[in-house]
Amino acid sequence: MIPQIVVVDDDPIILKKAWNTLTSSGLKAVVLKSGKALLEYTQENPAPDLILMDISMPEMDGFEVVKELKKCEAGWRDTPVIFLTGNEDEDTETKGLSLGAMDFIRKPFVASVLVLRVKHAVELIRLQRNLEGMVEEKTRENENLFLHVVESLADAIDAKDNYTKGHSGRVAIYSKEIAKRYGYDEKHQEQIFMMGLLHDVGKIGVPDEVINKPGRLTDEEFAKIKKHPGIGGKILGNIKEMPSLAAGAKWHHERYDGKGYPEGLAGDDIPEEARIIAVADAYDAMTSTRSYRGALPVEVVRGEIEKGKGSQFDPKFADIMIEMIDEGAFPDV
């Protein structure tokens, strides 16, 4: 693709010379006579590869135009700028560079020098964008690998309990949907999905005979179960790259009224993500068959969540779950 250069200058002689020089060198060129004209041009045209812009222009100088470009959509906001200037003072260059200018070209310019500087700049931009693309691709690959590892670990956790196959995945999906409806951005939604997948990781440290015991647990056995949030928090706390993962595991059994475990946190002292996971976890537990009972009817589950508002659950997240129940909004899981 032929690089496109936008030239902005109030001097028609400069514009004509720049257009002739660039186009005769195999580049595309658009010339505009003011900063205002450039800003209008951004409204209906895709961003070029490079902007050449005079600093000293009437109405709006080059520095002011660059500040306005930063408010534009991403393509224009990120377009490199080379300033054209007849000044050689240090303050002008310092100010331009501080605003993000890529380079300066002195006026009147020598045609061959302009072409070389522009082509070098375009090549540098191309290399930088290729490098950014490679970094983004590698980041996506690492994120996908991490997700596969997390999903495998979640499957291993669920496999310890004969009655909870798929539980971690369902809690992750419900938690993500609650977060979405509450207004979390996509990155935060994915984060809470991961937290949901790993919320029960601490059960790795609980004996299988306790987890799979048919019927109700004794007080001693329940005390062992109650250790799993702390165990999970310690395991995930070692993942320095994603420190937030530990919160879902450690505090998803806290209650809004402070009567939960392991630390008896209450209200907003419980991390928000853990409050979301708590209601998602409770919903899936009640709608699933367990060793000591069958799955509860959805109307009973709805009533229990309604009853737990302000005591077991954060009311705002309980309300979102009830909304989801009423809508039948649960995806196939």
C-alpha atoms as a PDB file:
ATOM      1  CA  MET A   1       0.000   0.000   0.000  1.00  0.00           C
ATOM      2  CA  ILE A   2       1.341   3.431  -0.966  1.00  0.00           C
ATOM      3  CA  PRO A   3       1.927   5.602   2.131  1.00  0.00           C
ATOM      4  CA  GLN A   4      -0.257   8.694   2.394  1.00  0.00           C
ATOM      5  CA  ILE A   5       1.074  11.975   3.763  1.00  0.00           C
ATOM      6  CA  VAL A   6      -1.097  14.930   4.809  1.00  0.00           C
ATOM      7  CA  VAL A   7       0.678  18.303   4.540  1.00  0.00           C
ATOM      8  CA  VAL A   8      -0.691  21.271   6.494  1.00  0.00           C
ATOM      9  CA  ASP A   9       0.677  24.779   5.837  1.00  0.00           C
ATOM     10  CA  ASP A  10      -0.793  28.232   5.250  1.00  0.00           C
ATOM     11  CA  ASP A  11       1.789  28.986   2.555  1.00  0.00           C
ATOM     12  CA  PRO A  12       0.493  27.872  -0.895  1.00  0.00           C
ATOM     13  CA  ILE A  13       4.036  27.782  -2.291  1.00  0.00           C
ATOM     14  CA  ILE A  14       5.137  25.335   0.403  1.00  0.00           C
ATOM     15  CA  LEU A  15       2.018  23.216  -0.186  1.00  0.00           C
ATOM     16  CA  LYS A  16       2.617  23.033  -3.938  1.00  0.00           C
ATOM     17  CA  LYS A  17       6.303  22.193  -3.544  1.00  0.00           C
ATOM     18  CA  ALA A  18       5.552  19.524  -0.926  1.00  0.00           C
ATOM     19  CA  TRP A  19       2.823  17.940  -3.064  1.00  0.00           C
ATOM     20  CA  ASN A  20       5.035  17.846  -6.155  1.00  0.00           C
ATOM     21  CA  THR A  21       7.988  16.463  -4.201  1.00  0.00           C
ATOM     22  CA  LEU A  22       6.049  13.709  -2.440  1.00  0.00           C
ATOM     23  CA  THR A  23       3.918  12.543  -5.366  1.00  0.00           C
ATOM     24  CA  SER A  24       6.865  12.466  -7.769  1.00  0.00           C
ATOM     25  CA  SER A  25       8.574  10.170  -5.253  1.00  0.00           C
ATOM     26  CA  GLY A  26       5.764   7.632  -5.347  1.00  0.00           C
ATOM     27  CA  LEU A  27       3.917   8.804  -2.227  1.00  0.00           C
ATOM     28  CA  LYS A  28       0.294   9.918  -1.912  1.00  0.00           C
ATOM     29  CA  ALA A  29      -0.174  13.467  -0.667  1.00  0.00           C
ATOM     30  CA  VAL A  30      -3.075  15.563   0.562  1.00  0.00           C
ATOM     31  CA  VAL A  31      -2.481  19.279   1.146  1.00  0.00           C
ATOM     32  CA  LEU A  32      -4.508  21.441   3.531  1.00  0.00           C
ATOM     33  CA  LYS A  33      -4.108  25.159   4.163  1.00  0.00           C
ATOM     34  CA  SER A  34      -4.878  25.374   7.904  1.00  0.00           C
ATOM     35  CA  GLY A  35      -5.142  23.497  11.153  1.00  0.00           C
ATOM     36  CA  LYS A  36      -8.899  23.988  11.092  1.00  0.00           C
ATOM     37  CA  ALA A  37      -9.042  22.389   7.645  1.00  0.00           C
ATOM     38  CA  LEU A  38      -7.123  19.381   9.006  1.00  0.00           C
ATOM     39  CA  LEU A  39      -9.525  18.936  11.912  1.00  0.00           C
ATOM     40  CA  GLU A  40     -12.461  19.078   9.498  1.00  0.00           C
ATOM     41  CA  TYR A  41     -10.690  16.559   7.257  1.00  0.00           C
ATOM     42  CA  THR A  42     -10.419  14.107  10.169  1.00  0.00           C
ATOM     43  CA  GLN A  43     -14.203  13.928  10.438  1.00  0.00           C
ATOM     44  CA  GLU A  44     -14.769  12.112   7.140  1.00  0.00           C
ATOM     45  CA  ASN A  45     -11.414  10.613   6.145  1.00  0.00           C
ATOM     46  CA  PRO A  46      -9.218   7.791   7.399  1.00  0.00           C
ATOM     47  CA  ALA A  47      -5.965   8.683   9.111  1.00  0.00           C
ATOM     48  CA  PRO A  48      -2.836   8.940   6.903  1.00  0.00           C
ATOM     49  CA  ASP A  49       0.513   7.377   7.617  1.00  0.00           C
ATOM     50  CA  LEU A  50       2.117  10.717   8.516  1.00  0.00           C
ATOM     51  CA  ILE A  51       1.275  14.395   8.973  1.00  0.00           C
ATOM     52  CA  LEU A  52       3.678  17.174   7.938  1.00  0.00           C
ATOM     53  CA  MET A  53       2.535  20.377   9.615  1.00  0.00           C
ATOM     54  CA  ASP A  54       3.722  23.935   9.878  1.00  0.00           C
ATOM     55  CA  ILE A  55       3.986  25.329  13.386  1.00  0.00           C
ATOM     56  CA  SER A  56       3.362  29.019  12.683  1.00  0.00           C
ATOM     57  CA  MET A  57      -0.110  29.273  11.191  1.00  0.00           C
ATOM     58  CA  PRO A  58      -2.835  31.908  11.775  1.00  0.00           C
ATOM     59  CA  GLU A  59      -5.923  31.102  13.901  1.00  0.00           C
ATOM     60  CA  MET A  60      -4.502  27.834  15.200  1.00  0.00           C
ATOM     61  CA  ASP A  61      -0.791  27.007  15.323  1.00  0.00           C
ATOM     62  CA  GLY A  62       0.647  23.528  14.902  1.00  0.00           C
ATOM     63  CA  PHE A  63       0.959  22.949  18.635  1.00  0.00           C
ATOM     64  CA  GLU A  64      -2.732  23.668  19.175  1.00  0.00           C
ATOM     65  CA  VAL A  65      -3.677  21.384  16.291  1.00  0.00           C
ATOM     66  CA  VAL A  66      -1.693  18.482  17.778  1.00  0.00           C
ATOM     67  CA  LYS A  67      -3.521  18.941  21.085  1.00  0.00           C
ATOM     68  CA  GLU A  68      -6.849  18.754  19.243  1.00  0.00           C
ATOM     69  CA  LEU A  69      -5.745  15.667  17.312  1.00  0.00           C
ATOM     70  CA  LYS A  70      -5.211  13.891  20.620  1.00  0.00           C
ATOM     71  CA  LYS A  71      -8.972  14.163  21.153  1.00  0.00           C
ATOM     72  CA  CYS A  72      -9.794  12.467  17.831  1.00  0.00           C
ATOM     73  CA  GLU A  73     -10.508   8.804  17.223  1.00  0.00           C
ATOM     74  CA  ALA A  74      -7.650   6.348  17.668  1.00  0.00           C
ATOM     75  CA  GLY A  75      -6.374   6.371  14.071  1.00  0.00           C
ATOM     76  CA  TRP A  76      -5.918  10.145  13.937  1.00  0.00           C
ATOM     77  CA  ARG A  77      -4.956  10.414  17.566  1.00  0.00           C
ATOM     78  CA  ASP A  78      -2.014   8.087  16.985  1.00  0.00           C
ATOM     79  CA  THR A  79      -0.846   9.483  13.623  1.00  0.00           C
ATOM     80  CA  PRO A  80       2.802  10.630  13.832  1.00  0.00           C
ATOM     81  CA  VAL A  81       3.488  14.319  13.197  1.00  0.00           C
ATOM     82  CA  ILE A  82       6.604  15.937  11.752  1.00  0.00           C
ATOM     83  CA  PHE A  83       6.664  19.702  12.234  1.00  0.00           C
ATOM     84  CA  LEU A  84       7.735  22.094   9.471  1.00  0.00           C
ATOM     85  CA  THR A  85       9.341  25.188  10.915  1.00  0.00           C
ATOM     86  CA  GLY A  86      11.466  28.148   9.987  1.00  0.00           C
ATOM     87  CA  ASN A  87      12.563  28.568  13.606  1.00  0.00           C
ATOM     88  CA  GLU A  88      15.661  26.989  15.041  1.00  0.00           C
ATOM     89  CA  ASP A  89      15.251  27.829  18.716  1.00  0.00           C
ATOM     90  CA  GLU A  90      15.535  25.094  21.314  1.00  0.00           C
ATOM     91  CA  ASP A  91      12.262  25.989  23.072  1.00  0.00           C
ATOM     92  CA  THR A  92      10.234  25.334  19.914  1.00  0.00           C
ATOM     93  CA  GLU A  93      11.708  21.866  19.489  1.00  0.00           C
ATOM     94  CA  THR A  94      11.320  21.066  23.174  1.00  0.00           C
ATOM     95  CA  LYS A  95       7.657  22.033  23.135  1.00  0.00           C
ATOM     96  CA  GLY A  96       7.003  20.090  19.936  1.00  0.00           C
ATOM     97  CA  LEU A  97       8.674  16.937  21.214  1.00  0.00           C
ATOM     98  CA  SER A  98       6.829  17.187  24.511  1.00  0.00           C
ATOM     99  CA  LEU A  99       3.565  17.163  22.551  1.00  0.00           C
ATOM    100  CA  GLY A 100       4.621  13.971  20.795  1.00  0.00           C
ATOM    101  CA  ALA A 101       6.161  15.270  17.557  1.00  0.00           C
ATOM    102  CA  MET A 102       8.224  12.665  15.750  1.00  0.00           C
ATOM    103  CA  ASP A 103      10.694  15.057  14.132  1.00  0.00           C
ATOM    104  CA  PHE A 104      11.298  18.563  12.707  1.00  0.00           C
ATOM    105  CA  ILE A 105      12.088  19.620   9.133  1.00  0.00           C
ATOM    106  CA  ARG A 106      13.475  23.092   8.484  1.00  0.00           C
ATOM    107  CA  LYS A 107      11.871  25.459   5.965  1.00  0.00           C
ATOM    108  CA  PRO A 108      12.598  26.154   3.237  1.00  0.00           C
ATOM    109  CA  PHE A 109      13.218  22.428   2.784  1.00  0.00           C
ATOM    110  CA  VAL A 110      15.380  20.707   0.206  1.00  0.00           C
ATOM    111  CA  ALA A 111      13.188  18.347  -1.833  1.00  0.00           C
ATOM    112  CA  SER A 112      15.542  15.369  -1.653  1.00  0.00           C
ATOM    113  CA  VAL A 113      15.951  15.798   2.112  1.00  0.00           C
ATOM    114  CA  LEU A 114      12.171  15.990   2.612  1.00  0.00           C
ATOM    115  CA  VAL A 115      11.666  12.751   0.692  1.00  0.00           C
ATOM    116  CA  LEU A 116      14.397  10.918   2.625  1.00  0.00           C
ATOM    117  CA  ARG A 117      13.129  12.118   6.012  1.00  0.00           C
ATOM    118  CA  VAL A 118       9.531  11.227   5.175  1.00  0.00           C
ATOM    119  CA  LYS A 119      10.386   7.781   3.790  1.00  0.00           C
ATOM    120  CA  HIS A 120      12.586   7.023   6.799  1.00  0.00           C
ATOM    121  CA  ALA A 121       9.772   8.103   9.114  1.00  0.00           C
ATOM    122  CA  VAL A 122       7.198   5.980   7.261  1.00  0.00           C
ATOM    123  CA  GLU A 123       9.486   2.936   7.395  1.00  0.00           C
ATOM    124  CA  LEU A 124      10.094   3.465  11.105  1.00  0.00           C
ATOM    125  CA  ILE A 125       6.344   3.714  11.689  1.00  0.00           C
ATOM    126  CA  ARG A 126       5.771   0.519   9.681  1.00  0.00           C
ATOM    127  CA  LEU A 127       8.385  -1.359  11.692  1.00  0.00           C
ATOM    128  CA  GLN A 128       6.952  -0.069  14.960  1.00  0.00           C
ATOM    129  CA  ARG A 129       3.424  -1.135  14.013  1.00  0.00           C
ATOM    130  CA  ASN A 130       4.643  -4.562  12.923  1.00  0.00           C
ATOM    131  CA  LEU A 131       6.431  -4.943  16.242  1.00  0.00           C
ATOM    132  CA  GLU A 132       3.307  -3.862  18.134  1.00  0.00           C
ATOM    133  CA  GLY A 133       1.297  -6.394  16.132  1.00  0.00           C
ATOM    134  CA  MET A 134       3.772  -9.154  17.012  1.00  0.00           C
ATOM    135  CA  VAL A 135       3.626  -8.197  20.695  1.00  0.00           C
ATOM    136  CA  GLU A 136      -0.184  -8.168  20.638  1.00  0.00           C
ATOM    137  CA  GLU A 137      -0.255 -11.576  18.936  1.00  0.00           C
ATOM    138  CA  LYS A 138       2.151 -13.040  21.463  1.00  0.00           C
ATOM    139  CA  THR A 139       0.117 -11.518  24.289  1.00  0.00           C
ATOM    140  CA  ARG A 140      -3.047 -13.129  22.897  1.00  0.00           C
ATOM    141  CA  GLU A 141      -1.253 -16.454  22.611  1.00  0.00           C
ATOM    142  CA  ASN A 142      -0.099 -16.215  26.231  1.00  0.00           C
ATOM    143  CA  GLU A 143      -3.592 -15.239  27.374  1.00  0.00           C
ATOM    144  CA  ASN A 144      -5.093 -18.187  25.498  1.00  0.00           C
ATOM    145  CA  LEU A 145      -2.516 -20.535  27.005  1.00  0.00           C
ATOM    146  CA  PHE A 146      -3.239 -19.186  30.469  1.00  0.00           C
ATOM    147  CA  LEU A 147      -6.983 -19.644  29.905  1.00  0.00           C
ATOM    148  CA  HIS A 148      -6.456 -23.274  28.832  1.00  0.00           C
ATOM    149  CA  VAL A 149      -4.369 -23.915  31.948  1.00  0.00           C
ATOM    150  CA  VAL A 150      -7.029 -22.287  34.139  1.00  0.00           C
ATOM    151  CA  GLU A 151      -9.827 -24.310  32.484  1.00  0.00           C
ATOM    152  CA  SER A 152      -7.852 -27.534  32.970  1.00  0.00           C
ATOM    153  CA  LEU A 153      -7.263 -26.675  36.615  1.00  0.00           C
ATOM    154  CA  ALA A 154     -10.973 -25.903  37.052  1.00  0.00           C
ATOM    155  CA  ASP A 155     -11.855 -29.271  35.525  1.00  0.00           C
ATOM    156  CA  ALA A 156      -9.438 -30.966  37.926  1.00  0.00           C
ATOM    157  CA  ILE A 157     -11.080 -29.197  40.867  1.00  0.00           C
ATOM    158  CA  ASP A 158     -14.578 -30.202  39.766  1.00  0.00           C
ATOM    159  CA  ALA A 159     -13.417 -33.793  39.216  1.00  0.00           C
ATOM    160  CA  LYS A 160     -12.762 -34.140  42.953  1.00  0.00           C
ATOM    161  CA  ASP A 161     -16.507 -33.881  43.582  1.00  0.00           C
ATOM    162  CA  ASN A 162     -18.814 -36.415  41.906  1.00  0.00           C
ATOM    163  CA  TYR A 163     -21.664 -33.891  42.024  1.00  0.00           C
ATOM    164  CA  THR A 164     -20.035 -30.672  40.829  1.00  0.00           C
ATOM    165  CA  LYS A 165     -18.902 -31.427  37.287  1.00  0.00           C
ATOM    166  CA  GLY A 166     -18.953 -28.137  35.377  1.00  0.00           C
ATOM    167  CA  HIS A 167     -19.648 -26.089  38.518  1.00  0.00           C
ATOM    168  CA  SER A 168     -16.609 -23.813  38.158  1.00  0.00           C
ATOM    169  CA  GLY A 169     -17.365 -23.098  34.501  1.00  0.00           C
ATOM    170  CA  ARG A 170     -20.985 -22.243  35.251  1.00  0.00           C
ATOM    171  CA  VAL A 171     -20.029 -19.949  38.121  1.00  0.00           C
ATOM    172  CA  ALA A 172     -17.544 -18.223  35.818  1.00  0.00           C
ATOM    173  CA  ILE A 173     -20.218 -17.676  33.146  1.00  0.00           C
ATOM    174  CA  TYR A 174     -22.836 -16.426  35.623  1.00  0.00           C
ATOM    175  CA  SER A 175     -20.296 -14.119  37.283  1.00  0.00           C
ATOM    176  CA  LYS A 176     -19.265 -12.657  33.951  1.00  0.00           C
ATOM    177  CA  GLU A 177     -22.902 -11.993  33.002  1.00  0.00           C
ATOM    178  CA  ILE A 178     -23.569 -10.251  36.322  1.00  0.00           C
ATOM    179  CA  ALA A 179     -20.430  -8.156  35.828  1.00  0.00           C
ATOM    180  CA  LYS A 180     -21.502  -7.261  32.300  1.00  0.00           C
ATOM    181  CA  ARG A 181     -24.942  -6.133  33.445  1.00  0.00           C
ATOM    182  CA  TYR A 182     -23.416  -4.166  36.297  1.00  0.00           C
ATOM    183  CA  GLY A 183     -21.267  -2.240  33.805  1.00  0.00           C
ATOM    184  CA  TYR A 184     -17.813  -3.806  33.956  1.00  0.00           C
ATOM    185  CA  ASP A 185     -15.745  -3.300  30.801  1.00  0.00           C
ATOM    186  CA  GLU A 186     -14.738  -6.328  28.716  1.00  0.00           C
ATOM    187  CA  LYS A 187     -11.321  -6.671  30.341  1.00  0.00           C
ATOM    188  CA  HIS A 188     -12.852  -6.680  33.817  1.00  0.00           C
ATOM    189  CA  GLN A 189     -15.503  -9.177  32.677  1.00  0.00           C
ATOM    190  CA  GLU A 190     -12.774 -11.555  31.499  1.00  0.00           C
ATOM    191  CA  GLN A 191     -10.958 -11.071  34.773  1.00  0.00           C
ATOM    192  CA  ILE A 192     -13.978 -12.068  36.825  1.00  0.00           C
ATOM    193  CA  PHE A 193     -14.559 -15.030  34.486  1.00  0.00           C
ATOM    194  CA  MET A 194     -11.080 -16.280  35.421  1.00  0.00           C
ATOM    195  CA  MET A 195     -11.791 -15.646  39.096  1.00  0.00           C
ATOM    196  CA  GLY A 196     -14.996 -17.652  38.807  1.00  0.00           C
ATOM    197  CA  LEU A 197     -13.203 -20.561  37.161  1.00  0.00           C
ATOM    198  CA  LEU A 198     -10.729 -20.738  40.043  1.00  0.00           C
ATOM    199  CA  HIS A 199     -12.954 -19.788  42.975  1.00  0.00           C
ATOM    200  CA  ASP A 200     -12.887 -23.348  44.387  1.00  0.00           C
ATOM    201  CA  VAL A 201      -9.217 -24.085  43.722  1.00  0.00           C
ATOM    202  CA  GLY A 202      -8.665 -24.459  47.478  1.00  0.00           C
ATOM    203  CA  LYS A 203     -10.688 -27.685  47.461  1.00  0.00           C
ATOM    204  CA  ILE A 204      -7.492 -29.317  46.219  1.00  0.00           C
ATOM    205  CA  GLY A 205      -6.447 -29.225  49.872  1.00  0.00           C
ATOM    206  CA  VAL A 206      -9.646 -30.843  51.200  1.00  0.00           C
ATOM    207  CA  PRO A 207      -9.785 -34.673  51.548  1.00  0.00           C
ATOM    208  CA  ASP A 208     -11.855 -36.416  48.850  1.00  0.00           C
ATOM    209  CA  GLU A 209     -13.814 -38.394  51.438  1.00  0.00           C
ATOM    210  CA  VAL A 210     -15.086 -35.130  52.915  1.00  0.00           C
ATOM    211  CA  ILE A 211     -15.975 -33.573  49.567  1.00  0.00           C
ATOM    212  CA  ASN A 212     -17.753 -36.724  48.328  1.00  0.00           C
ATOM    213  CA  LYS A 213     -19.401 -37.764  51.571  1.00  0.00           C
ATOM    214  CA  PRO A 214     -23.053 -38.706  50.958  1.00  0.00           C
ATOM    215  CA  GLY A 215     -25.314 -36.823  53.313  1.00  0.00           C
ATOM    216  CA  ARG A 216     -24.651 -33.952  55.653  1.00  0.00           C
ATOM    217  CA  LEU A 217     -21.206 -33.145  57.035  1.00  0.00           C
ATOM    218  CA  THR A 218     -20.254 -33.259  60.686  1.00  0.00           C
ATOM    219  CA  ASP A 219     -18.998 -30.070  62.339  1.00  0.00           C
ATOM    220  CA  GLU A 220     -15.444 -31.392  62.074  1.00  0.00           C
ATOM    221  CA  GLU A 221     -15.840 -32.170  58.368  1.00  0.00           C
ATOM    222  CA  PHE A 222     -17.437 -28.814  57.683  1.00  0.00           C
ATOM    223  CA  ALA A 223     -14.483 -27.153  59.429  1.00  0.00           C
ATOM    224  CA  LYS A 224     -12.220 -28.824  56.857  1.00  0.00           C
ATOM    225  CA  ILE A 225     -14.425 -27.571  54.005  1.00  0.00           C
ATOM    226  CA  LYS A 226     -14.258 -24.055  55.432  1.00  0.00           C
ATOM    227  CA  LYS A 227     -10.492 -24.081  54.995  1.00  0.00           C
ATOM    228  CA  HIS A 228     -10.706 -24.157  51.195  1.00  0.00           C
ATOM    229  CA  PRO A 229     -11.088 -20.375  50.663  1.00  0.00           C
ATOM    230  CA  GLY A 230      -7.906 -19.691  52.608  1.00  0.00           C
ATOM    231  CA  ILE A 231      -6.049 -22.454  50.789  1.00  0.00           C
ATOM    232  CA  GLY A 232      -7.256 -21.104  47.446  1.00  0.00           C
ATOM    233  CA  GLY A 233      -6.219 -17.570  48.355  1.00  0.00           C
ATOM    234  CA  LYS A 234      -2.696 -18.755  49.153  1.00  0.00           C
ATOM    235  CA  ILE A 235      -2.396 -20.777  45.948  1.00  0.00           C
ATOM    236  CA  LEU A 236      -3.565 -17.965  43.681  1.00  0.00           C
ATOM    237  CA  GLY A 237      -1.763 -15.301  45.670  1.00  0.00           C
ATOM    238  CA  ASN A 238       1.466 -16.720  44.256  1.00  0.00           C
ATOM    239  CA  ILE A 239       0.447 -15.704  40.714  1.00  0.00           C
ATOM    240  CA  LYS A 240       2.055 -12.255  40.728  1.00  0.00           C
ATOM    241  CA  GLU A 241       0.946 -11.479  37.171  1.00  0.00           C
ATOM    242  CA  MET A 242      -2.755 -11.586  38.186  1.00  0.00           C
ATOM    243  CA  PRO A 243      -2.969 -10.735  41.884  1.00  0.00           C
ATOM    244  CA  SER A 244      -6.735 -10.176  41.680  1.00  0.00           C
ATOM    245  CA  LEU A 245      -7.383 -13.900  41.108  1.00  0.00           C
ATOM    246  CA  ALA A 246      -6.883 -14.640  44.793  1.00  0.00           C
ATOM    247  CA  ALA A 247      -9.796 -12.440  45.923  1.00  0.00           C
ATOM    248  CA  GLY A 248     -12.474 -14.635  44.340  1.00  0.00           C
ATOM    249  CA  ALA A 249     -11.070 -17.803  45.872  1.00  0.00           C
ATOM    250  CA  LYS A 250     -10.416 -16.364  49.307  1.00  0.00           C
ATOM    251  CA  TRP A 251     -13.571 -14.358  49.928  1.00  0.00           C
ATOM    252  CA  HIS A 252     -16.437 -15.905  47.931  1.00  0.00           C
ATOM    253  CA  HIS A 253     -17.863 -17.430  51.133  1.00  0.00           C
ATOM    254  CA  GLU A 254     -17.960 -14.134  53.003  1.00  0.00           C
ATOM    255  CA  ARG A 255     -21.460 -12.814  53.693  1.00  0.00           C
ATOM    256  CA  TYR A 256     -22.674  -9.286  53.229  1.00  0.00           C
ATOM    257  CA  ASP A 257     -23.729  -9.181  56.914  1.00  0.00           C
ATOM    258  CA  GLY A 258     -20.289 -10.270  58.131  1.00  0.00           C
ATOM    259  CA  LYS A 259     -21.293 -13.788  59.200  1.00  0.00           C
ATOM    260  CA  GLY A 260     -19.341 -15.629  56.521  1.00  0.00           C
ATOM    261  CA  TYR A 261     -15.856 -17.096  56.422  1.00  0.00           C
ATOM    262  CA  PRO A 262     -12.845 -17.178  56.498  1.00  0.00           C
ATOM    263  CA  GLU A 263     -12.455 -13.636  57.902  1.00  0.00           C
ATOM    264  CA  GLY A 264     -15.974 -12.424  58.639  1.00  0.00           C
ATOM    265  CA  LEU A 265     -15.719  -9.470  56.273  1.00  0.00           C
ATOM    266  CA  ALA A 266     -18.882  -7.433  55.726  1.00  0.00           C
ATOM    267  CA  GLY A 267     -20.371  -5.098  53.126  1.00  0.00           C
ATOM    268  CA  ASP A 268     -17.936  -3.179  50.972  1.00  0.00           C
ATOM    269  CA  ASP A 269     -14.977  -4.660  52.854  1.00  0.00           C
ATOM    270  CA  ILE A 270     -15.564  -7.783  50.756  1.00  0.00           C
ATOM    271  CA  PRO A 271     -13.990  -7.299  47.306  1.00  0.00           C
ATOM    272  CA  GLU A 272     -16.695  -6.553  44.764  1.00  0.00           C
ATOM    273  CA  GLU A 273     -15.725  -9.456  42.513  1.00  0.00           C
ATOM    274  CA  ALA A 274     -16.050 -11.869  45.435  1.00  0.00           C
ATOM    275  CA  ARG A 275     -19.548 -10.525  46.145  1.00  0.00           C
ATOM    276  CA  ILE A 276     -20.495 -11.236  42.532  1.00  0.00           C
ATOM    277  CA  ILE A 277     -19.026 -14.748  42.632  1.00  0.00           C
ATOM    278  CA  ALA A 278     -20.831 -15.426  45.929  1.00  0.00           C
ATOM    279  CA  VAL A 279     -24.288 -15.033  44.405  1.00  0.00           C
ATOM    280  CA  ALA A 280     -23.311 -16.897  41.225  1.00  0.00           C
ATOM    281  CA  ASP A 281     -21.866 -19.743  43.315  1.00  0.00           C
ATOM    282  CA  ALA A 282     -24.996 -19.946  45.475  1.00  0.00           C
ATOM    283  CA  TYR A 283     -27.272 -20.018  42.438  1.00  0.00           C
ATOM    284  CA  ASP A 284     -25.369 -22.885  40.845  1.00  0.00           C
ATOM    285  CA  ALA A 285     -25.153 -24.799  44.128  1.00  0.00           C
ATOM    286  CA  MET A 286     -28.923 -24.583  44.634  1.00  0.00           C
ATOM    287  CA  THR A 287     -29.815 -25.502  41.046  1.00  0.00           C
ATOM    288  CA  SER A 288     -27.433 -28.501  40.989  1.00  0.00           C
ATOM    289  CA  THR A 289     -27.837 -31.993  42.442  1.00  0.00           C
ATOM    290  CA  ARG A 290     -25.690 -32.591  45.487  1.00  0.00           C
ATOM    291  CA  SER A 291     -24.890 -35.739  47.492  1.00  0.00           C
ATOM    292  CA  TYR A 292     -27.390 -34.757  50.191  1.00  0.00           C
ATOM    293  CA  ARG A 293     -30.264 -33.389  48.022  1.00  0.00           C
ATOM    294  CA  GLY A 294     -31.592 -32.933  44.531  1.00  0.00           C
ATOM    295  CA  ALA A 295     -31.561 -29.709  42.515  1.00  0.00           C
ATOM    296  CA  LEU A 296     -33.989 -27.109  43.878  1.00  0.00           C
ATOM    297  CA  PRO A 297     -36.800 -25.707  41.704  1.00  0.00           C
ATOM    298  CA  VAL A 298     -35.914 -22.358  40.166  1.00  0.00           C
ATOM    299  CA  GLU A 299     -38.735 -20.571  42.004  1.00  0.00           C
ATOM    300  CA  VAL A 300     -37.332 -21.806  45.319  1.00  0.00           C
ATOM    301  CA  VAL A 301     -33.839 -20.642  44.313  1.00  0.00           C
ATOM    302  CA  ARG A 302     -35.224 -17.241  43.363  1.00  0.00           C
ATOM    303  CA  GLY A 303     -36.892 -16.959  46.749  1.00  0.00           C
ATOM    304  CA  GLU A 304     -33.695 -17.905  48.586  1.00  0.00           C
ATOM    305  CA  ILE A 305     -31.684 -15.272  46.738  1.00  0.00           C
ATOM    306  CA  GLU A 306     -34.386 -12.692  47.428  1.00  0.00           C
ATOM    307  CA  LYS A 307     -34.340 -13.658  51.099  1.00  0.00           C
ATOM    308  CA  GLY A 308     -30.543 -13.401  51.208  1.00  0.00           C
ATOM    309  CA  LYS A 309     -30.402  -9.793  49.963  1.00  0.00           C
ATOM    310  CA  GLY A 310     -28.547  -7.676  52.488  1.00  0.00           C
ATOM    311  CA  SER A 311     -27.650 -10.665  54.664  1.00  0.00           C
ATOM    312  CA  GLN A 312     -25.872 -13.286  52.582  1.00  0.00           C
ATOM    313  CA  PHE A 313     -25.639 -11.276  49.355  1.00  0.00           C
ATOM    314  CA  ASP A 314     -24.887  -7.755  48.217  1.00  0.00           C
ATOM    315  CA  PRO A 315     -28.397  -6.525  47.296  1.00  0.00           C
ATOM    316  CA  LYS A 316     -27.377  -5.025  43.958  1.00  0.00           C
ATOM    317  CA  PHE A 317     -25.827  -8.248  42.719  1.00  0.00           C
ATOM    318  CA  ALA A 318     -28.675 -10.340  44.101  1.00  0.00           C
ATOM    319  CA  ASP A 319     -31.093  -8.114  42.162  1.00  0.00           C
ATOM    320  CA  ILE A 320     -29.132  -8.700  38.948  1.00  0.00           C
ATOM    321  CA  MET A 321     -29.234 -12.472  39.529  1.00  0.00           C
ATOM    322  CA  ILE A 322     -32.984 -12.333  40.147  1.00  0.00           C
ATOM    323  CA  GLU A 323     -33.362 -10.323  36.943  1.00  0.00           C
ATOM    324  CA  MET A 324     -31.424 -13.008  35.092  1.00  0.00           C
ATOM    325  CA  ILE A 325     -33.628 -15.751  36.594  1.00  0.00           C
ATOM    326  CA  ASP A 326     -36.809 -13.924  35.611  1.00  0.00           C
ATOM    327  CA  GLU A 327     -35.510 -13.459  32.068  1.00  0.00           C
ATOM    328  CA  GLY A 328     -34.336 -17.042  31.735  1.00  0.00           C
ATOM    329  CA  ALA A 329     -31.072 -15.441  30.687  1.00  0.00           C
ATOM    330  CA  PHE A 330     -28.725 -18.307  31.487  1.00  0.00           C
ATOM    331  CA  PRO A 331     -26.746 -19.597  28.516  1.00  0.00           C
ATOM    332  CA  ASP A 332     -26.439 -23.327  27.885  1.00  0.00           C
ATOM    333  CA  VAL A 333     -23.592 -24.536  30.060  1.00  0.00           C
END
